[in-house]
Amino acid sequence: MGILFVYILKSSVCLAVFYLFYRLLLSRETFHRFNRIALLGILSLSCLLPLVEVSVKHPAELYQTMMTWEQLLLADVTDTAGYAVDAQENTAVWVQVLLSIYLLGILFFIFRSVYSLLRLCSLLKSGRTEKIGKYVTTVSKAVLVVHEREITPFSWMKYIVISRKDLEENGREILIHEAAHIRHRHSIDLLVADICIFFQWFNPGAWLLKQELQNIHEYEADETVINEGVNAKEYQLLLIKKAVGTR
């Protein structure tokens, strides 16, 4: 378990550093697809780089410090190799406490996600399934779930959930927007980001990266709506209305 904890710490440092560079260099760019690929690449590199072994003939001070921290974190593993002393035994206790807190955090976020998934399934079953082509013919194939009560429109995997009121008032714009999420497979991106958060829930970089991905998804979907011929000014007013209300 200590080895896994060291790997997670290294991965979290890589993720935080790469995300910082992204914020400084790319976050203001409007190449949404490239930014999306860059963020997913950051996730991949953060998982792979800690697995690379680096050896140097003359260790630098930073390298020696990191090796010392690894020995402390792996105190419970290296005791059999002759490192066991009183100070290290005390450190090993603290490492076990940190590992326990870390595992509890993982379990908490997994249970929270499972609970959200169960609520989503209940929401999909309680709505009325209709053919999306009945309202819009220019969107991808998707399963449309309509609710009679007020509900914020959203999409997940192949499902689009919308209230009857929104469908009647602004159905075309909303369905094109949500269908764009499905066509670009944005749900898979968020699923990968959530898995990363399960193991790096203590890392602000993981949360910020997911938020950045969500923003890019919205930009891509909005761009699709405009390309479908929807009036840009009317669509802007619709977004404001959905965000802050009619007033």
Protein backbone atom coordinates (compact mmCIF):
# COMPACT_ATOMS: atom_id res chain seq x y z
CA MET A 1 0.00 0.00 0.00
CA GLY A 2 2.90 2.33 0.71
CA ILE A 3 4.16 1.88 -2.86
CA LEU A 4 0.71 2.84 -4.20
CA PHE A 5 0.64 5.92 -1.97
CA VAL A 6 4.05 7.05 -3.28
CA TYR A 7 2.82 6.55 -6.86
CA ILE A 8 -0.34 8.61 -6.17
CA LEU A 9 1.72 11.44 -4.64
CA LYS A 10 4.06 11.53 -7.64
CA SER A 11 1.12 11.47 -10.02
CA SER A 12 -0.64 14.29 -8.16
CA VAL A 13 2.49 16.47 -8.32
CA CYS A 14 2.77 15.86 -12.08
CA LEU A 15 -0.91 16.67 -12.56
CA ALA A 16 -0.69 19.91 -10.58
CA VAL A 17 2.44 21.08 -12.43
CA PHE A 18 1.08 20.23 -15.89
CA TYR A 19 -2.26 21.88 -15.13
CA LEU A 20 -0.45 25.03 -13.99
CA PHE A 21 1.39 25.17 -17.33
CA TYR A 22 -1.92 24.64 -19.12
CA ARG A 23 -3.50 27.57 -17.27
CA LEU A 24 -0.57 29.81 -18.13
CA LEU A 25 -0.18 28.83 -21.80
CA LEU A 26 -3.44 27.45 -23.22
CA SER A 27 -6.44 28.32 -21.07
CA ARG A 28 -7.18 31.56 -22.96
CA GLU A 29 -7.01 29.93 -26.40
CA THR A 30 -10.23 29.24 -28.30
CA PHE A 31 -9.04 26.02 -29.95
CA HIS A 32 -11.45 23.98 -27.85
CA ARG A 33 -10.73 20.57 -29.36
CA PHE A 34 -6.98 21.05 -28.95
CA ASN A 35 -7.45 22.19 -25.34
CA ARG A 36 -9.60 19.14 -24.67
CA ILE A 37 -6.91 16.83 -26.07
CA ALA A 38 -4.29 18.69 -24.01
CA LEU A 39 -6.22 18.16 -20.77
CA LEU A 40 -6.76 14.46 -21.48
CA GLY A 41 -3.06 14.24 -22.34
CA ILE A 42 -2.22 15.79 -18.96
CA LEU A 43 -4.24 13.06 -17.26
CA SER A 44 -2.44 10.35 -19.22
CA LEU A 45 1.06 11.76 -18.66
CA SER A 46 0.38 12.21 -14.94
CA CYS A 47 -0.43 8.51 -14.70
CA LEU A 48 2.52 7.31 -16.82
CA LEU A 49 5.44 9.54 -15.76
CA PRO A 50 5.62 8.25 -12.14
CA LEU A 51 6.20 4.77 -13.56
CA VAL A 52 9.41 5.89 -15.28
CA GLU A 53 12.56 5.07 -13.30
CA VAL A 54 15.22 7.80 -13.33
CA SER A 55 18.78 7.08 -12.16
CA VAL A 56 21.56 9.65 -11.84
CA LYS A 57 25.26 9.26 -11.03
CA HIS A 58 25.38 12.34 -8.78
CA PRO A 59 21.99 12.84 -7.08
CA ALA A 60 20.89 16.46 -6.75
CA GLU A 61 19.60 17.85 -3.47
CA LEU A 62 15.96 17.71 -4.67
CA TYR A 63 16.40 14.11 -5.81
CA GLN A 64 17.90 13.13 -2.45
CA THR A 65 15.03 14.84 -0.62
CA MET A 66 12.45 12.93 -2.67
CA MET A 67 14.25 9.65 -2.00
CA THR A 68 14.19 10.42 1.73
CA TRP A 69 10.45 11.04 1.62
CA GLU A 70 9.93 7.79 -0.26
CA GLN A 71 11.85 5.88 2.42
CA LEU A 72 9.68 7.46 5.10
CA LEU A 73 6.46 6.67 3.24
CA LEU A 74 7.64 3.13 2.65
CA ALA A 75 8.77 2.67 6.23
CA ASP A 76 6.38 -0.23 6.73
CA VAL A 77 7.87 -1.95 3.67
CA THR A 78 11.57 -1.24 4.29
CA ASP A 79 11.65 -2.35 7.91
CA THR A 80 12.75 -5.80 6.77
CA ALA A 81 15.69 -4.26 4.90
CA GLY A 82 17.28 -2.91 8.05
CA TYR A 83 15.89 0.63 8.24
CA ALA A 84 13.81 0.07 11.37
CA VAL A 85 14.69 2.51 14.16
CA ASP A 86 12.52 4.24 16.72
CA ALA A 87 12.08 7.40 14.65
CA GLN A 88 11.10 5.41 11.60
CA GLU A 89 8.65 3.34 13.64
CA ASN A 90 6.91 6.54 14.74
CA THR A 91 6.90 7.75 11.15
CA ALA A 92 5.43 4.45 10.01
CA VAL A 93 2.51 4.97 12.41
CA TRP A 94 1.80 8.38 10.90
CA VAL A 95 2.07 6.89 7.42
CA GLN A 96 -0.55 4.30 8.35
CA VAL A 97 -2.84 7.05 9.64
CA LEU A 98 -2.43 9.02 6.41
CA LEU A 99 -3.08 5.92 4.34
CA SER A 100 -6.26 5.22 6.33
CA ILE A 101 -7.52 8.77 5.79
CA TYR A 102 -6.65 8.51 2.11
CA LEU A 103 -8.55 5.23 1.69
CA LEU A 104 -11.57 6.63 3.53
CA GLY A 105 -11.57 9.56 1.10
CA ILE A 106 -11.54 7.18 -1.87
CA LEU A 107 -14.45 5.18 -0.44
CA PHE A 108 -16.43 8.36 0.28
CA PHE A 109 -16.16 9.68 -3.29
CA ILE A 110 -16.86 6.26 -4.82
CA PHE A 111 -20.02 5.88 -2.70
CA ARG A 112 -21.05 9.43 -3.59
CA SER A 113 -20.67 8.67 -7.29
CA VAL A 114 -22.59 5.40 -6.97
CA TYR A 115 -25.39 7.27 -5.18
CA SER A 116 -25.49 9.89 -7.94
CA LEU A 117 -25.58 7.14 -10.56
CA LEU A 118 -28.52 5.45 -8.82
CA ARG A 119 -30.40 8.77 -8.71
CA LEU A 120 -29.65 9.25 -12.40
CA CYS A 121 -31.03 5.81 -13.24
CA SER A 122 -34.16 6.59 -11.22
CA LEU A 123 -34.55 9.88 -13.08
CA LEU A 124 -34.23 8.16 -16.45
CA LYS A 125 -36.83 5.52 -15.54
CA SER A 126 -39.34 8.02 -14.14
CA GLY A 127 -39.44 10.12 -17.33
CA ARG A 128 -41.27 9.51 -20.57
CA THR A 129 -39.16 8.28 -23.48
CA GLU A 130 -39.88 9.95 -26.80
CA LYS A 131 -38.33 10.00 -30.27
CA ILE A 132 -35.95 12.92 -30.64
CA GLY A 133 -36.59 13.13 -34.39
CA LYS A 134 -40.12 14.29 -33.57
CA TYR A 135 -38.68 17.64 -32.44
CA VAL A 136 -35.31 18.02 -34.18
CA THR A 137 -34.05 16.16 -37.24
CA THR A 138 -30.50 17.53 -37.35
CA VAL A 139 -29.17 15.91 -34.17
CA SER A 140 -27.47 12.59 -33.61
CA LYS A 141 -29.34 9.49 -32.49
CA ALA A 142 -30.13 9.81 -28.80
CA VAL A 143 -32.71 8.69 -26.28
CA LEU A 144 -34.94 11.59 -25.23
CA VAL A 145 -36.40 11.46 -21.71
CA VAL A 146 -39.07 14.08 -20.98
CA HIS A 147 -40.23 15.04 -17.47
CA GLU A 148 -43.41 16.91 -16.64
CA ARG A 149 -41.80 18.63 -13.63
CA GLU A 150 -39.17 21.36 -13.67
CA ILE A 151 -35.72 19.94 -14.29
CA THR A 152 -32.49 21.37 -15.68
CA PRO A 153 -31.72 19.90 -19.12
CA PHE A 154 -28.69 17.62 -19.23
CA SER A 155 -27.23 14.69 -21.13
CA TRP A 156 -25.36 11.55 -20.07
CA MET A 157 -23.97 8.95 -22.45
CA LYS A 158 -26.82 8.47 -24.98
CA TYR A 159 -29.60 10.04 -22.89
CA ILE A 160 -30.98 13.58 -23.03
CA VAL A 161 -33.18 14.61 -20.10
CA ILE A 162 -35.40 17.70 -20.41
CA SER A 163 -38.60 19.11 -18.92
CA ARG A 164 -41.77 19.40 -20.99
CA LYS A 165 -41.75 23.18 -20.54
CA ASP A 166 -38.20 23.58 -21.89
CA LEU A 167 -38.96 21.21 -24.74
CA GLU A 168 -41.95 23.29 -25.86
CA GLU A 169 -40.30 26.71 -25.38
CA ASN A 170 -36.70 26.20 -26.53
CA GLY A 171 -36.59 22.56 -27.57
CA ARG A 172 -34.55 22.92 -30.75
CA GLU A 173 -31.66 24.89 -29.24
CA ILE A 174 -31.45 22.73 -26.11
CA LEU A 175 -31.63 19.42 -27.98
CA ILE A 176 -28.92 20.46 -30.45
CA HIS A 177 -26.74 21.53 -27.51
CA GLU A 178 -27.21 18.31 -25.55
CA ALA A 179 -26.89 16.12 -28.64
CA ALA A 180 -23.51 17.76 -29.30
CA HIS A 181 -22.35 16.52 -25.89
CA ILE A 182 -23.37 13.00 -26.89
CA ARG A 183 -21.78 13.18 -30.33
CA HIS A 184 -18.46 14.38 -28.92
CA ARG A 185 -18.58 11.73 -26.13
CA HIS A 186 -18.12 14.31 -23.39
CA SER A 187 -19.52 11.93 -20.78
CA ILE A 188 -16.51 9.66 -21.24
CA ASP A 189 -14.16 12.58 -20.54
CA LEU A 190 -15.97 13.34 -17.30
CA LEU A 191 -15.96 9.67 -16.33
CA VAL A 192 -12.16 9.56 -16.74
CA ALA A 193 -11.82 12.79 -14.74
CA ASP A 194 -14.01 11.33 -11.97
CA ILE A 195 -11.84 8.21 -11.77
CA CYS A 196 -8.81 10.47 -11.42
CA ILE A 197 -10.56 12.36 -8.61
CA PHE A 198 -11.28 9.07 -6.81
CA PHE A 199 -7.55 8.58 -6.32
CA GLN A 200 -6.51 12.24 -6.13
CA TRP A 201 -9.39 13.76 -4.17
CA PHE A 202 -6.87 15.73 -2.10
CA ASN A 203 -5.35 17.37 -5.19
CA PRO A 204 -6.95 20.72 -6.22
CA GLY A 205 -5.44 20.25 -9.68
CA ALA A 206 -7.68 17.22 -10.33
CA TRP A 207 -10.84 19.18 -9.45
CA LEU A 208 -9.79 22.22 -11.48
CA LEU A 209 -8.93 20.04 -14.48
CA LYS A 210 -12.41 18.49 -14.44
CA GLN A 211 -13.99 21.94 -14.24
CA GLU A 212 -11.86 23.08 -17.18
CA LEU A 213 -13.00 20.04 -19.17
CA GLN A 214 -16.64 20.87 -18.44
CA ASN A 215 -16.13 24.44 -19.65
CA ILE A 216 -14.57 23.22 -22.89
CA HIS A 217 -17.48 20.81 -23.39
CA GLU A 218 -19.92 23.69 -23.08
CA TYR A 219 -17.95 25.80 -25.57
CA GLU A 220 -17.94 22.93 -28.07
CA ALA A 221 -21.67 22.35 -27.67
CA ASP A 222 -22.45 26.08 -28.00
CA GLU A 223 -20.34 26.24 -31.14
CA THR A 224 -22.35 23.36 -32.61
CA VAL A 225 -25.62 25.18 -31.89
CA ILE A 226 -24.43 28.31 -33.71
CA ASN A 227 -23.19 26.25 -36.66
CA GLU A 228 -26.67 24.72 -36.97
CA GLY A 229 -28.06 28.17 -37.83
CA VAL A 230 -29.47 29.24 -34.47
CA ASN A 231 -29.46 33.02 -34.01
CA ALA A 232 -26.44 33.83 -31.85
CA LYS A 233 -28.07 36.73 -29.97
CA GLU A 234 -31.20 34.75 -29.15
CA TYR A 235 -29.08 31.84 -28.00
CA GLN A 236 -27.03 34.13 -25.74
CA LEU A 237 -30.25 35.38 -24.15
CA LEU A 238 -31.38 31.78 -23.65
CA LEU A 239 -28.11 30.93 -21.86
CA ILE A 240 -28.50 33.97 -19.59
CA LYS A 241 -32.12 33.03 -18.88
CA LYS A 242 -31.13 29.47 -17.92
CA ALA A 243 -28.28 30.75 -15.72
CA VAL A 244 -30.00 33.55 -13.78
CA GLY A 245 -33.72 33.26 -14.56
CA THR A 246 -36.13 35.39 -16.58
CA ARG A 247 -35.39 38.55 -14.59
